[in-house]
């Protein structure tokens, strides 16, 4: 059974940075593609970034150049480095195991202006 636990969220001022972590268990982590999503207040959950088993990354246009997804196979963890944060980046951030469509519980990010 796949389990994902996000951490690293918090309150940050506009222009600041945060690094989110998603620790995975129950899977052969190195052979699975992972992704990060965000759900802003009153909006649908949206795709932000993904990373394949070979390390190929993909981003939604709104975070390109500001966010970076990465993975550490030894730690079974995927990261989302977020720089130049904006108030519109506020929301709950979720990681997802793509093959099984398993979600973590989410971590709150609040960016103040």
PDB file of N, CA and C in Angstrom:
ATOM      1  N   UNK A   1       0.841  -1.191   0.000  1.00  0.00           N
ATOM      2  CA  UNK A   1       0.000   0.000   0.000  1.00  0.00           C
ATOM      3  C   UNK A   1       0.879   1.245   0.000  1.00  0.00           C
ATOM      4  N   UNK A   2       0.602   2.125  -0.942  1.00  0.00           N
ATOM      5  CA  UNK A   2       1.366   3.355  -1.066  1.00  0.00           C
ATOM      6  C   UNK A   2       0.908   4.360  -0.023  1.00  0.00           C
ATOM      7  N   UNK A   3       1.868   4.962   0.664  1.00  0.00           N
ATOM      8  CA  UNK A   3       1.552   6.038   1.597  1.00  0.00           C
ATOM      9  C   UNK A   3       2.480   7.213   1.320  1.00  0.00           C
ATOM     10  N   UNK A   4       1.893   8.397   1.313  1.00  0.00           N
ATOM     11  CA  UNK A   4       2.647   9.625   1.043  1.00  0.00           C
ATOM     12  C   UNK A   4       2.401  10.623   2.163  1.00  0.00           C
ATOM     13  N   UNK A   5       3.463  11.237   2.652  1.00  0.00           N
ATOM     14  CA  UNK A   5       3.337  12.218   3.728  1.00  0.00           C
ATOM     15  C   UNK A   5       4.101  13.477   3.341  1.00  0.00           C
ATOM     16  N   UNK A   6       3.339  14.572   3.174  1.00  0.00           N
ATOM     17  CA  UNK A   6       3.938  15.856   2.825  1.00  0.00           C
ATOM     18  C   UNK A   6       4.330  16.616   4.086  1.00  0.00           C
ATOM     19  N   UNK A   7       5.330  17.485   3.940  1.00  0.00           N
ATOM     20  CA  UNK A   7       5.743  18.376   5.019  1.00  0.00           C
ATOM     21  C   UNK A   7       6.455  19.571   4.417  1.00  0.00           C
ATOM     22  N   UNK A   8       6.691  20.589   5.249  1.00  0.00           N
ATOM     23  CA  UNK A   8       7.448  21.739   4.805  1.00  0.00           C
ATOM     24  C   UNK A   8       6.643  22.986   4.523  1.00  0.00           C
ATOM     25  N   UNK A   9       5.335  22.881   4.608  1.00  0.00           N
ATOM     26  CA  UNK A   9       4.507  24.052   4.381  1.00  0.00           C
ATOM     27  C   UNK A   9       4.626  25.062   5.516  1.00  0.00           C
ATOM     28  N   UNK A  10       4.014  26.230   5.306  1.00  0.00           N
ATOM     29  CA  UNK A  10       4.043  27.253   6.337  1.00  0.00           C
ATOM     30  C   UNK A  10       3.659  28.602   5.791  1.00  0.00           C
ATOM     31  N   UNK A  11       3.928  29.618   6.579  1.00  0.00           N
ATOM     32  CA  UNK A  11       3.627  31.000   6.220  1.00  0.00           C
ATOM     33  C   UNK A  11       4.923  31.682   5.793  1.00  0.00           C
ATOM     34  N   UNK A  12       4.893  32.329   4.638  1.00  0.00           N
ATOM     35  CA  UNK A  12       6.079  32.995   4.114  1.00  0.00           C
ATOM     36  C   UNK A  12       5.648  34.295   3.445  1.00  0.00           C
ATOM     37  N   UNK A  13       6.526  35.273   3.449  1.00  0.00           N
ATOM     38  CA  UNK A  13       6.233  36.539   2.777  1.00  0.00           C
ATOM     39  C   UNK A  13       6.453  36.402   1.274  1.00  0.00           C
ATOM     40  N   UNK A  14       5.776  37.224   0.528  1.00  0.00           N
ATOM     41  CA  UNK A  14       5.970  37.243  -0.921  1.00  0.00           C
ATOM     42  C   UNK A  14       7.442  37.460  -1.238  1.00  0.00           C
ATOM     43  N   UNK A  15       7.920  36.700  -2.237  1.00  0.00           N
ATOM     44  CA  UNK A  15       9.329  36.747  -2.595  1.00  0.00           C
ATOM     45  C   UNK A  15      10.186  35.724  -1.876  1.00  0.00           C
ATOM     46  N   UNK A  16       9.627  35.086  -0.863  1.00  0.00           N
ATOM     47  CA  UNK A  16      10.363  34.105  -0.086  1.00  0.00           C
ATOM     48  C   UNK A  16      10.369  32.731  -0.733  1.00  0.00           C
ATOM     49  N   UNK A  17      10.941  31.779   0.008  1.00  0.00           N
ATOM     50  CA  UNK A  17      11.107  30.421  -0.504  1.00  0.00           C
ATOM     51  C   UNK A  17      10.658  29.400   0.538  1.00  0.00           C
ATOM     52  N   UNK A  18      10.229  28.246   0.043  1.00  0.00           N
ATOM     53  CA  UNK A  18       9.927  27.093   0.871  1.00  0.00           C
ATOM     54  C   UNK A  18      10.342  25.847   0.108  1.00  0.00           C
ATOM     55  N   UNK A  19      10.680  24.800   0.860  1.00  0.00           N
ATOM     56  CA  UNK A  19      10.905  23.503   0.226  1.00  0.00           C
ATOM     57  C   UNK A  19       9.963  22.480   0.845  1.00  0.00           C
ATOM     58  N   UNK A  20       9.119  21.919   0.007  1.00  0.00           N
ATOM     59  CA  UNK A  20       8.194  20.881   0.443  1.00  0.00           C
ATOM     60  C   UNK A  20       8.823  19.514   0.229  1.00  0.00           C
ATOM     61  N   UNK A  21       8.469  18.593   1.114  1.00  0.00           N
ATOM     62  CA  UNK A  21       8.939  17.215   1.016  1.00  0.00           C
ATOM     63  C   UNK A  21       7.748  16.275   0.980  1.00  0.00           C
ATOM     64  N   UNK A  22       7.910  15.175   0.280  1.00  0.00           N
ATOM     65  CA  UNK A  22       6.889  14.135   0.233  1.00  0.00           C
ATOM     66  C   UNK A  22       7.598  12.800   0.425  1.00  0.00           C
ATOM     67  N   UNK A  23       7.407  12.218   1.590  1.00  0.00           N
ATOM     68  CA  UNK A  23       8.046  10.944   1.910  1.00  0.00           C
ATOM     69  C   UNK A  23       7.111   9.805   1.524  1.00  0.00           C
ATOM     70  N   UNK A  24       7.643   8.859   0.759  1.00  0.00           N
ATOM     71  CA  UNK A  24       6.833   7.753   0.260  1.00  0.00           C
ATOM     72  C   UNK A  24       7.219   6.443   0.929  1.00  0.00           C
ATOM     73  N   UNK A  25       6.222   5.590   1.117  1.00  0.00           N
ATOM     74  CA  UNK A  25       6.463   4.243   1.628  1.00  0.00           C
ATOM     75  C   UNK A  25       5.530   3.279   0.915  1.00  0.00           C
ATOM     76  N   UNK A  26       5.912   2.012   0.932  1.00  0.00           N
ATOM     77  CA  UNK A  26       5.058   1.008   0.320  1.00  0.00           C
ATOM     78  C   UNK A  26       5.226   0.852  -1.171  1.00  0.00           C
ATOM     79  N   UNK A  27       6.241   1.525  -1.748  1.00  0.00           N
ATOM     80  CA  UNK A  27       6.456   1.441  -3.183  1.00  0.00           C
ATOM     81  C   UNK A  27       7.937   1.312  -3.465  1.00  0.00           C
ATOM     82  N   UNK A  28       8.233   0.820  -4.674  1.00  0.00           N
ATOM     83  CA  UNK A  28       9.613   0.871  -5.140  1.00  0.00           C
ATOM     84  C   UNK A  28       9.803   2.262  -5.713  1.00  0.00           C
ATOM     85  N   UNK A  29      10.218   3.179  -4.872  1.00  0.00           N
ATOM     86  CA  UNK A  29      10.174   4.599  -5.176  1.00  0.00           C
ATOM     87  C   UNK A  29      10.895   4.942  -6.461  1.00  0.00           C
ATOM     88  N   UNK A  30      12.036   4.344  -6.676  1.00  0.00           N
ATOM     89  CA  UNK A  30      12.862   4.732  -7.818  1.00  0.00           C
ATOM     90  C   UNK A  30      12.217   4.410  -9.153  1.00  0.00           C
ATOM     91  N   UNK A  31      11.197   3.579  -9.175  1.00  0.00           N
ATOM     92  CA  UNK A  31      10.568   3.198 -10.433  1.00  0.00           C
ATOM     93  C   UNK A  31       9.187   3.812 -10.607  1.00  0.00           C
ATOM     94  N   UNK A  32       8.936   4.909  -9.938  1.00  0.00           N
ATOM     95  CA  UNK A  32       7.615   5.521 -10.009  1.00  0.00           C
ATOM     96  C   UNK A  32       7.694   7.015 -10.252  1.00  0.00           C
ATOM     97  N   UNK A  33       6.844   7.472 -11.164  1.00  0.00           N
ATOM     98  CA  UNK A  33       6.725   8.899 -11.424  1.00  0.00           C
ATOM     99  C   UNK A  33       5.885   9.546 -10.326  1.00  0.00           C
ATOM    100  N   UNK A  34       6.259  10.770  -9.970  1.00  0.00           N
ATOM    101  CA  UNK A  34       5.580  11.495  -8.903  1.00  0.00           C
ATOM    102  C   UNK A  34       5.227  12.896  -9.387  1.00  0.00           C
ATOM    103  N   UNK A  35       4.276  13.529  -8.698  1.00  0.00           N
ATOM    104  CA  UNK A  35       3.853  14.871  -9.092  1.00  0.00           C
ATOM    105  C   UNK A  35       3.430  15.672  -7.871  1.00  0.00           C
ATOM    106  N   UNK A  36       3.433  16.984  -8.056  1.00  0.00           N
ATOM    107  CA  UNK A  36       2.910  17.921  -7.055  1.00  0.00           C
ATOM    108  C   UNK A  36       1.711  18.649  -7.654  1.00  0.00           C
ATOM    109  N   UNK A  37       0.703  18.846  -6.811  1.00  0.00           N
ATOM    110  CA  UNK A  37      -0.491  19.594  -7.163  1.00  0.00           C
ATOM    111  C   UNK A  37      -0.754  20.639  -6.079  1.00  0.00           C
ATOM    112  N   UNK A  38      -1.607  21.570  -6.427  1.00  0.00           N
ATOM    113  CA  UNK A  38      -1.989  22.625  -5.475  1.00  0.00           C
ATOM    114  C   UNK A  38      -3.506  22.845  -5.573  1.00  0.00           C
ATOM    115  N   UNK A  39      -4.120  23.097  -4.412  1.00  0.00           N
ATOM    116  CA  UNK A  39      -5.525  23.491  -4.388  1.00  0.00           C
ATOM    117  C   UNK A  39      -5.645  24.799  -3.637  1.00  0.00           C
ATOM    118  N   UNK A  40      -5.922  25.859  -4.393  1.00  0.00           N
ATOM    119  CA  UNK A  40      -6.119  27.174  -3.810  1.00  0.00           C
ATOM    120  C   UNK A  40      -7.532  27.270  -3.252  1.00  0.00           C
ATOM    121  N   UNK A  41      -7.752  28.185  -2.302  1.00  0.00           N
ATOM    122  CA  UNK A  41      -9.092  28.325  -1.718  1.00  0.00           C
ATOM    123  C   UNK A  41     -10.155  28.576  -2.779  1.00  0.00           C
ATOM    124  N   UNK A  42     -11.183  27.766  -2.769  1.00  0.00           N
ATOM    125  CA  UNK A  42     -12.291  27.949  -3.701  1.00  0.00           C
ATOM    126  C   UNK A  42     -12.016  27.504  -5.115  1.00  0.00           C
ATOM    127  N   UNK A  43     -10.896  26.836  -5.350  1.00  0.00           N
ATOM    128  CA  UNK A  43     -10.537  26.430  -6.706  1.00  0.00           C
ATOM    129  C   UNK A  43     -10.288  24.929  -6.766  1.00  0.00           C
ATOM    130  N   UNK A  44     -10.262  24.422  -7.982  1.00  0.00           N
ATOM    131  CA  UNK A  44      -9.980  23.006  -8.173  1.00  0.00           C
ATOM    132  C   UNK A  44      -8.482  22.735  -7.989  1.00  0.00           C
ATOM    133  N   UNK A  45      -8.191  21.506  -7.673  1.00  0.00           N
ATOM    134  CA  UNK A  45      -6.801  21.096  -7.545  1.00  0.00           C
ATOM    135  C   UNK A  45      -6.141  21.162  -8.929  1.00  0.00           C
ATOM    136  N   UNK A  46      -4.932  21.741  -8.977  1.00  0.00           N
ATOM    137  CA  UNK A  46      -4.256  21.906 -10.250  1.00  0.00           C
ATOM    138  C   UNK A  46      -2.871  21.275 -10.228  1.00  0.00           C
ATOM    139  N   UNK A  47      -2.466  20.783 -11.374  1.00  0.00           N
ATOM    140  CA  UNK A  47      -1.147  20.201 -11.553  1.00  0.00           C
ATOM    141  C   UNK A  47      -0.082  21.297 -11.510  1.00  0.00           C
ATOM    142  N   UNK A  48       1.036  21.022 -10.842  1.00  0.00           N
ATOM    143  CA  UNK A  48       2.154  21.960 -10.806  1.00  0.00           C
ATOM    144  C   UNK A  48       3.396  21.403 -11.497  1.00  0.00           C
ATOM    145  N   UNK A  49       3.787  20.176 -11.127  1.00  0.00           N
ATOM    146  CA  UNK A  49       5.055  19.651 -11.623  1.00  0.00           C
ATOM    147  C   UNK A  49       5.059  18.138 -11.480  1.00  0.00           C
ATOM    148  N   UNK A  50       5.839  17.501 -12.349  1.00  0.00           N
ATOM    149  CA  UNK A  50       5.995  16.052 -12.265  1.00  0.00           C
ATOM    150  C   UNK A  50       7.440  15.684 -12.556  1.00  0.00           C
ATOM    151  N   UNK A  51       7.795  14.476 -12.125  1.00  0.00           N
ATOM    152  CA  UNK A  51       9.143  13.970 -12.382  1.00  0.00           C
ATOM    153  C   UNK A  51       9.040  12.480 -12.672  1.00  0.00           C
ATOM    154  N   UNK A  52       9.686  12.056 -13.755  1.00  0.00           N
ATOM    155  CA  UNK A  52       9.645  10.647 -14.135  1.00  0.00           C
ATOM    156  C   UNK A  52      10.753   9.873 -13.425  1.00  0.00           C
ATOM    157  N   UNK A  53      10.752   8.573 -13.664  1.00  0.00           N
ATOM    158  CA  UNK A  53      11.771   7.733 -13.054  1.00  0.00           C
ATOM    159  C   UNK A  53      13.162   8.085 -13.558  1.00  0.00           C
ATOM    160  N   UNK A  54      13.247   8.612 -14.769  1.00  0.00           N
ATOM    161  CA  UNK A  54      14.545   8.983 -15.331  1.00  0.00           C
ATOM    162  C   UNK A  54      14.941  10.412 -14.981  1.00  0.00           C
ATOM    163  N   UNK A  55      14.060  11.119 -14.263  1.00  0.00           N
ATOM    164  CA  UNK A  55      14.386  12.478 -13.850  1.00  0.00           C
ATOM    165  C   UNK A  55      13.868  13.569 -14.760  1.00  0.00           C
ATOM    166  N   UNK A  56      13.129  13.204 -15.780  1.00  0.00           N
ATOM    167  CA  UNK A  56      12.536  14.215 -16.656  1.00  0.00           C
ATOM    168  C   UNK A  56      11.444  14.959 -15.903  1.00  0.00           C
ATOM    169  N   UNK A  57      11.488  16.277 -15.983  1.00  0.00           N
ATOM    170  CA  UNK A  57      10.533  17.108 -15.252  1.00  0.00           C
ATOM    171  C   UNK A  57       9.598  17.850 -16.199  1.00  0.00           C
ATOM    172  N   UNK A  58       8.455  18.216 -15.665  1.00  0.00           N
ATOM    173  CA  UNK A  58       7.458  18.959 -16.415  1.00  0.00           C
ATOM    174  C   UNK A  58       6.771  19.922 -15.452  1.00  0.00           C
ATOM    175  N   UNK A  59       6.483  21.145 -15.925  1.00  0.00           N
ATOM    176  CA  UNK A  59       5.906  22.162 -15.060  1.00  0.00           C
ATOM    177  C   UNK A  59       4.747  22.870 -15.758  1.00  0.00           C
ATOM    178  N   UNK A  60       3.803  23.317 -14.961  1.00  0.00           N
ATOM    179  CA  UNK A  60       2.787  24.215 -15.479  1.00  0.00           C
ATOM    180  C   UNK A  60       3.443  25.580 -15.681  1.00  0.00           C
ATOM    181  N   UNK A  61       2.965  26.319 -16.650  1.00  0.00           N
ATOM    182  CA  UNK A  61       3.618  27.579 -17.015  1.00  0.00           C
ATOM    183  C   UNK A  61       3.735  28.551 -15.841  1.00  0.00           C
ATOM    184  N   UNK A  62       2.747  28.555 -14.959  1.00  0.00           N
ATOM    185  CA  UNK A  62       2.714  29.553 -13.888  1.00  0.00           C
ATOM    186  C   UNK A  62       3.838  29.390 -12.867  1.00  0.00           C
ATOM    187  N   UNK A  63       4.490  28.230 -12.839  1.00  0.00           N
ATOM    188  CA  UNK A  63       5.569  28.020 -11.859  1.00  0.00           C
ATOM    189  C   UNK A  63       6.923  27.794 -12.516  1.00  0.00           C
ATOM    190  N   UNK A  64       6.965  27.752 -13.827  1.00  0.00           N
ATOM    191  CA  UNK A  64       8.245  27.554 -14.515  1.00  0.00           C
ATOM    192  C   UNK A  64       9.228  28.648 -14.146  1.00  0.00           C
ATOM    193  N   UNK A  65      10.448  28.233 -13.834  1.00  0.00           N
ATOM    194  CA  UNK A  65      11.476  29.189 -13.452  1.00  0.00           C
ATOM    195  C   UNK A  65      11.458  29.571 -11.993  1.00  0.00           C
ATOM    196  N   UNK A  66      10.385  29.199 -11.275  1.00  0.00           N
ATOM    197  CA  UNK A  66      10.304  29.515  -9.842  1.00  0.00           C
ATOM    198  C   UNK A  66      10.320  28.250  -8.981  1.00  0.00           C
ATOM    199  N   UNK A  67       9.697  27.197  -9.455  1.00  0.00           N
ATOM    200  CA  UNK A  67       9.592  25.945  -8.695  1.00  0.00           C
ATOM    201  C   UNK A  67      10.490  24.885  -9.348  1.00  0.00           C
ATOM    202  N   UNK A  68      10.991  23.977  -8.528  1.00  0.00           N
ATOM    203  CA  UNK A  68      11.796  22.873  -9.041  1.00  0.00           C
ATOM    204  C   UNK A  68      11.455  21.594  -8.298  1.00  0.00           C
ATOM    205  N   UNK A  69      11.100  20.559  -9.060  1.00  0.00           N
ATOM    206  CA  UNK A  69      10.803  19.258  -8.476  1.00  0.00           C
ATOM    207  C   UNK A  69      12.045  18.387  -8.580  1.00  0.00           C
ATOM    208  N   UNK A  70      12.288  17.606  -7.555  1.00  0.00           N
ATOM    209  CA  UNK A  70      13.433  16.700  -7.555  1.00  0.00           C
ATOM    210  C   UNK A  70      13.096  15.483  -6.701  1.00  0.00           C
ATOM    211  N   UNK A  71      13.952  14.469  -6.770  1.00  0.00           N
ATOM    212  CA  UNK A  71      13.695  13.253  -6.006  1.00  0.00           C
ATOM    213  C   UNK A  71      14.992  12.717  -5.452  1.00  0.00           C
ATOM    214  N   UNK A  72      14.902  12.069  -4.303  1.00  0.00           N
ATOM    215  CA  UNK A  72      16.046  11.409  -3.680  1.00  0.00           C
ATOM    216  C   UNK A  72      15.646   9.960  -3.442  1.00  0.00           C
ATOM    217  N   UNK A  73      16.147   9.072  -4.281  1.00  0.00           N
ATOM    218  CA  UNK A  73      15.771   7.672  -4.186  1.00  0.00           C
ATOM    219  C   UNK A  73      16.196   7.037  -2.884  1.00  0.00           C
ATOM    220  N   UNK A  74      17.329   7.442  -2.363  1.00  0.00           N
ATOM    221  CA  UNK A  74      17.829   6.857  -1.120  1.00  0.00           C
ATOM    222  C   UNK A  74      16.917   7.184   0.054  1.00  0.00           C
ATOM    223  N   UNK A  75      16.242   8.327  -0.027  1.00  0.00           N
ATOM    224  CA  UNK A  75      15.354   8.750   1.052  1.00  0.00           C
ATOM    225  C   UNK A  75      13.889   8.530   0.717  1.00  0.00           C
ATOM    226  N   UNK A  76      13.606   7.971  -0.467  1.00  0.00           N
ATOM    227  CA  UNK A  76      12.214   7.768  -0.885  1.00  0.00           C
ATOM    228  C   UNK A  76      11.403   9.053  -0.760  1.00  0.00           C
ATOM    229  N   UNK A  77      11.993  10.138  -1.196  1.00  0.00           N
ATOM    230  CA  UNK A  77      11.371  11.442  -1.005  1.00  0.00           C
ATOM    231  C   UNK A  77      11.418  12.250  -2.291  1.00  0.00           C
ATOM    232  N   UNK A  78      10.342  12.953  -2.569  1.00  0.00           N
ATOM    233  CA  UNK A  78      10.300  13.907  -3.666  1.00  0.00           C
ATOM    234  C   UNK A  78      10.131  15.294  -3.058  1.00  0.00           C
ATOM    235  N   UNK A  79      10.770  16.273  -3.677  1.00  0.00           N
ATOM    236  CA  UNK A  79      10.796  17.625  -3.144  1.00  0.00           C
ATOM    237  C   UNK A  79      10.165  18.601  -4.142  1.00  0.00           C
ATOM    238  N   UNK A  80       9.726  19.729  -3.606  1.00  0.00           N
ATOM    239  CA  UNK A  80       9.315  20.854  -4.436  1.00  0.00           C
ATOM    240  C   UNK A  80       9.944  22.103  -3.829  1.00  0.00           C
ATOM    241  N   UNK A  81      10.990  22.588  -4.493  1.00  0.00           N
ATOM    242  CA  UNK A  81      11.632  23.837  -4.086  1.00  0.00           C
ATOM    243  C   UNK A  81      10.851  24.986  -4.711  1.00  0.00           C
ATOM    244  N   UNK A  82      10.372  25.893  -3.881  1.00  0.00           N
ATOM    245  CA  UNK A  82       9.542  26.994  -4.365  1.00  0.00           C
ATOM    246  C   UNK A  82      10.230  28.318  -4.037  1.00  0.00           C
ATOM    247  N   UNK A  83      10.565  29.071  -5.057  1.00  0.00           N
ATOM    248  CA  UNK A  83      11.227  30.361  -4.901  1.00  0.00           C
ATOM    249  C   UNK A  83      10.329  31.464  -5.453  1.00  0.00           C
ATOM    250  N   UNK A  84      10.668  32.693  -5.091  1.00  0.00           N
ATOM    251  CA  UNK A  84       9.915  33.862  -5.582  1.00  0.00           C
ATOM    252  C   UNK A  84       8.422  33.665  -5.398  1.00  0.00           C
ATOM    253  N   UNK A  85       8.035  33.246  -4.217  1.00  0.00           N
ATOM    254  CA  UNK A  85       6.627  32.941  -3.957  1.00  0.00           C
ATOM    255  C   UNK A  85       5.757  34.182  -4.052  1.00  0.00           C
ATOM    256  N   UNK A  86       4.526  33.968  -4.526  1.00  0.00           N
ATOM    257  CA  UNK A  86       3.550  35.030  -4.701  1.00  0.00           C
ATOM    258  C   UNK A  86       2.308  34.717  -3.866  1.00  0.00           C
ATOM    259  N   UNK A  87       1.529  35.712  -3.520  1.00  0.00           N
ATOM    260  CA  UNK A  87       0.288  35.444  -2.767  1.00  0.00           C
ATOM    261  C   UNK A  87      -0.617  34.433  -3.474  1.00  0.00           C
ATOM    262  N   UNK A  88      -0.620  34.430  -4.788  1.00  0.00           N
ATOM    263  CA  UNK A  88      -1.457  33.484  -5.528  1.00  0.00           C
ATOM    264  C   UNK A  88      -0.945  32.048  -5.473  1.00  0.00           C
ATOM    265  N   UNK A  89       0.218  31.838  -4.867  1.00  0.00           N
ATOM    266  CA  UNK A  89       0.717  30.470  -4.648  1.00  0.00           C
ATOM    267  C   UNK A  89       0.115  29.854  -3.382  1.00  0.00           C
ATOM    268  N   UNK A  90      -0.653  30.624  -2.656  1.00  0.00           N
ATOM    269  CA  UNK A  90      -1.286  30.125  -1.438  1.00  0.00           C
ATOM    270  C   UNK A  90      -2.232  28.969  -1.748  1.00  0.00           C
ATOM    271  N   UNK A  91      -2.164  27.929  -0.920  1.00  0.00           N
ATOM    272  CA  UNK A  91      -3.040  26.789  -1.094  1.00  0.00           C
ATOM    273  C   UNK A  91      -2.507  25.579  -0.354  1.00  0.00           C
ATOM    274  N   UNK A  92      -3.222  24.480  -0.511  1.00  0.00           N
ATOM    275  CA  UNK A  92      -2.767  23.209   0.042  1.00  0.00           C
ATOM    276  C   UNK A  92      -2.034  22.463  -1.066  1.00  0.00           C
ATOM    277  N   UNK A  93      -0.846  22.015  -0.748  1.00  0.00           N
ATOM    278  CA  UNK A  93       0.012  21.334  -1.719  1.00  0.00           C
ATOM    279  C   UNK A  93      -0.004  19.837  -1.449  1.00  0.00           C
ATOM    280  N   UNK A  94      -0.215  19.086  -2.522  1.00  0.00           N
ATOM    281  CA  UNK A  94      -0.319  17.630  -2.423  1.00  0.00           C
ATOM    282  C   UNK A  94       0.705  16.963  -3.341  1.00  0.00           C
ATOM    283  N   UNK A  95       1.253  15.856  -2.885  1.00  0.00           N
ATOM    284  CA  UNK A  95       2.019  15.046  -3.818  1.00  0.00           C
ATOM    285  C   UNK A  95       1.162  13.854  -4.233  1.00  0.00           C
ATOM    286  N   UNK A  96       1.496  13.295  -5.377  1.00  0.00           N
ATOM    287  CA  UNK A  96       0.714  12.214  -5.957  1.00  0.00           C
ATOM    288  C   UNK A  96       1.627  11.174  -6.571  1.00  0.00           C
ATOM    289  N   UNK A  97       1.334   9.928  -6.274  1.00  0.00           N
ATOM    290  CA  UNK A  97       1.993   8.804  -6.920  1.00  0.00           C
ATOM    291  C   UNK A  97       1.176   8.493  -8.165  1.00  0.00           C
ATOM    292  N   UNK A  98       1.775   8.716  -9.329  1.00  0.00           N
ATOM    293  CA  UNK A  98       0.988   8.744 -10.555  1.00  0.00           C
ATOM    294  C   UNK A  98       0.422   7.373 -10.937  1.00  0.00           C
ATOM    295  N   UNK A  99       1.187   6.316 -10.766  1.00  0.00           N
ATOM    296  CA  UNK A  99       0.707   5.020 -11.246  1.00  0.00           C
ATOM    297  C   UNK A  99      -0.532   4.559 -10.486  1.00  0.00           C
ATOM    298  N   UNK A 100      -0.572   4.793  -9.173  1.00  0.00           N
ATOM    299  CA  UNK A 100      -1.710   4.332  -8.375  1.00  0.00           C
ATOM    300  C   UNK A 100      -2.694   5.447  -8.057  1.00  0.00           C
ATOM    301  N   UNK A 101      -2.368   6.675  -8.467  1.00  0.00           N
ATOM    302  CA  UNK A 101      -3.214   7.847  -8.177  1.00  0.00           C
ATOM    303  C   UNK A 101      -3.431   8.021  -6.678  1.00  0.00           C
ATOM    304  N   UNK A 102      -2.401   7.712  -5.898  1.00  0.00           N
ATOM    305  CA  UNK A 102      -2.456   7.904  -4.455  1.00  0.00           C
ATOM    306  C   UNK A 102      -2.028   9.325  -4.104  1.00  0.00           C
ATOM    307  N   UNK A 103      -2.783   9.943  -3.190  1.00  0.00           N
ATOM    308  CA  UNK A 103      -2.501  11.310  -2.746  1.00  0.00           C
ATOM    309  C   UNK A 103      -1.996  11.302  -1.312  1.00  0.00           C
ATOM    310  N   UNK A 104      -1.170  12.284  -0.987  1.00  0.00           N
ATOM    311  CA  UNK A 104      -0.832  12.540   0.390  1.00  0.00           C
ATOM    312  C   UNK A 104      -1.931  13.369   1.032  1.00  0.00           C
ATOM    313  N   UNK A 105      -1.723  13.736   2.297  1.00  0.00           N
ATOM    314  CA  UNK A 105      -2.758  14.471   3.042  1.00  0.00           C
ATOM    315  C   UNK A 105      -2.692  15.970   2.788  1.00  0.00           C
ATOM    316  N   UNK A 106      -1.597  16.433   2.207  1.00  0.00           N
ATOM    317  CA  UNK A 106      -1.458  17.845   1.884  1.00  0.00           C
ATOM    318  C   UNK A 106      -0.730  18.631   2.964  1.00  0.00           C
ATOM    319  N   UNK A 107      -0.137  19.732   2.542  1.00  0.00           N
ATOM    320  CA  UNK A 107       0.524  20.656   3.466  1.00  0.00           C
ATOM    321  C   UNK A 107       0.168  22.075   3.037  1.00  0.00           C
ATOM    322  N   UNK A 108      -0.178  22.910   4.002  1.00  0.00           N
ATOM    323  CA  UNK A 108      -0.658  24.265   3.728  1.00  0.00           C
ATOM    324  C   UNK A 108       0.508  25.222   3.490  1.00  0.00           C
ATOM    325  N   UNK A 109       0.393  25.993   2.427  1.00  0.00           N
ATOM    326  CA  UNK A 109       1.349  27.063   2.135  1.00  0.00           C
ATOM    327  C   UNK A 109       0.573  28.363   2.062  1.00  0.00           C
ATOM    328  N   UNK A 110       1.003  29.344   2.833  1.00  0.00           N
ATOM    329  CA  UNK A 110       0.360  30.652   2.814  1.00  0.00           C
ATOM    330  C   UNK A 110       1.417  31.702   2.528  1.00  0.00           C
ATOM    331  N   UNK A 111       1.184  32.492   1.480  1.00  0.00           N
ATOM    332  CA  UNK A 111       2.121  33.538   1.086  1.00  0.00           C
ATOM    333  C   UNK A 111       1.460  34.878   1.341  1.00  0.00           C
ATOM    334  N   UNK A 112       2.048  35.665   2.206  1.00  0.00           N
ATOM    335  CA  UNK A 112       1.481  36.974   2.545  1.00  0.00           C
ATOM    336  C   UNK A 112       2.091  38.058   1.663  1.00  0.00           C
ATOM    337  N   UNK A 113       1.276  39.062   1.396  1.00  0.00           N
ATOM    338  CA  UNK A 113       1.739  40.156   0.520  1.00  0.00           C
ATOM    339  C   UNK A 113       2.426  41.236   1.333  1.00  0.00           C
TER     340      UNK A 113
END
